[in-house]
Amino acid sequence: MTGMNIQSEGLLFIQINEMRMKDFLFPQPTDSKGFSLLLLCLRLFFGLMFLLHGLEKLYNYTELCFVFPDPMNIGSEISLLFVIFAEMLCSIGFMAGALFRLSMIPMLIVMITAFFHIHGASIVQGELAFIYLMVFIMMYISGPGQYAVDAKIYEYLHAKDDEVYEF
């Protein structure tokens, strides 16, 4: 072998290792099917858990309506209704990926309020609120993924845009 072949093989080896490093450092983009499936599983799991908390509050509405915490000074009953709205209706939108980020705003408000005002920002006392808050922030940033109602609406709207601009 000549020195030229050894040198080009060395460069090829370095390029392959750089590609592997890039794949490791920068994994599949968010539009990949695997990542979207992970987002779907997270949406379904955390959305269902959140929904169950809302159902519990709805079933105990009459007992909770006068004693529910009121950190925003809007009244115990209104605070309870807002939390039930966030935990039940918004979690359904969250699970379906329908108006995803809009439905997450009340969920985030509830968890921010629960963690910082109700539990005093204590991870020991507000561990579940903190977990929900962190997951919801990460999900808000990442978006719902491909397997969501919003993704289908996006495709439909952009297909219509493409038809409008075709000549």
Foldseek 3Di string as FASTA:
>chain_A
DDPVVVVVVVVVVVVVVVVVVCCVVPPDDLQDPVNLVVLLVLLVVLLVVLQVVLVVCVVCVVVQQQPADDPPPPHSNVVSVLSSCLSHVLSVCSNQLNVNLVSLPSVLVVLVCCCCPVVVVDCVRSVVSVVSNVSSVVCNVSGNYCRHPVNVVVVVVVVVVVVVPDD
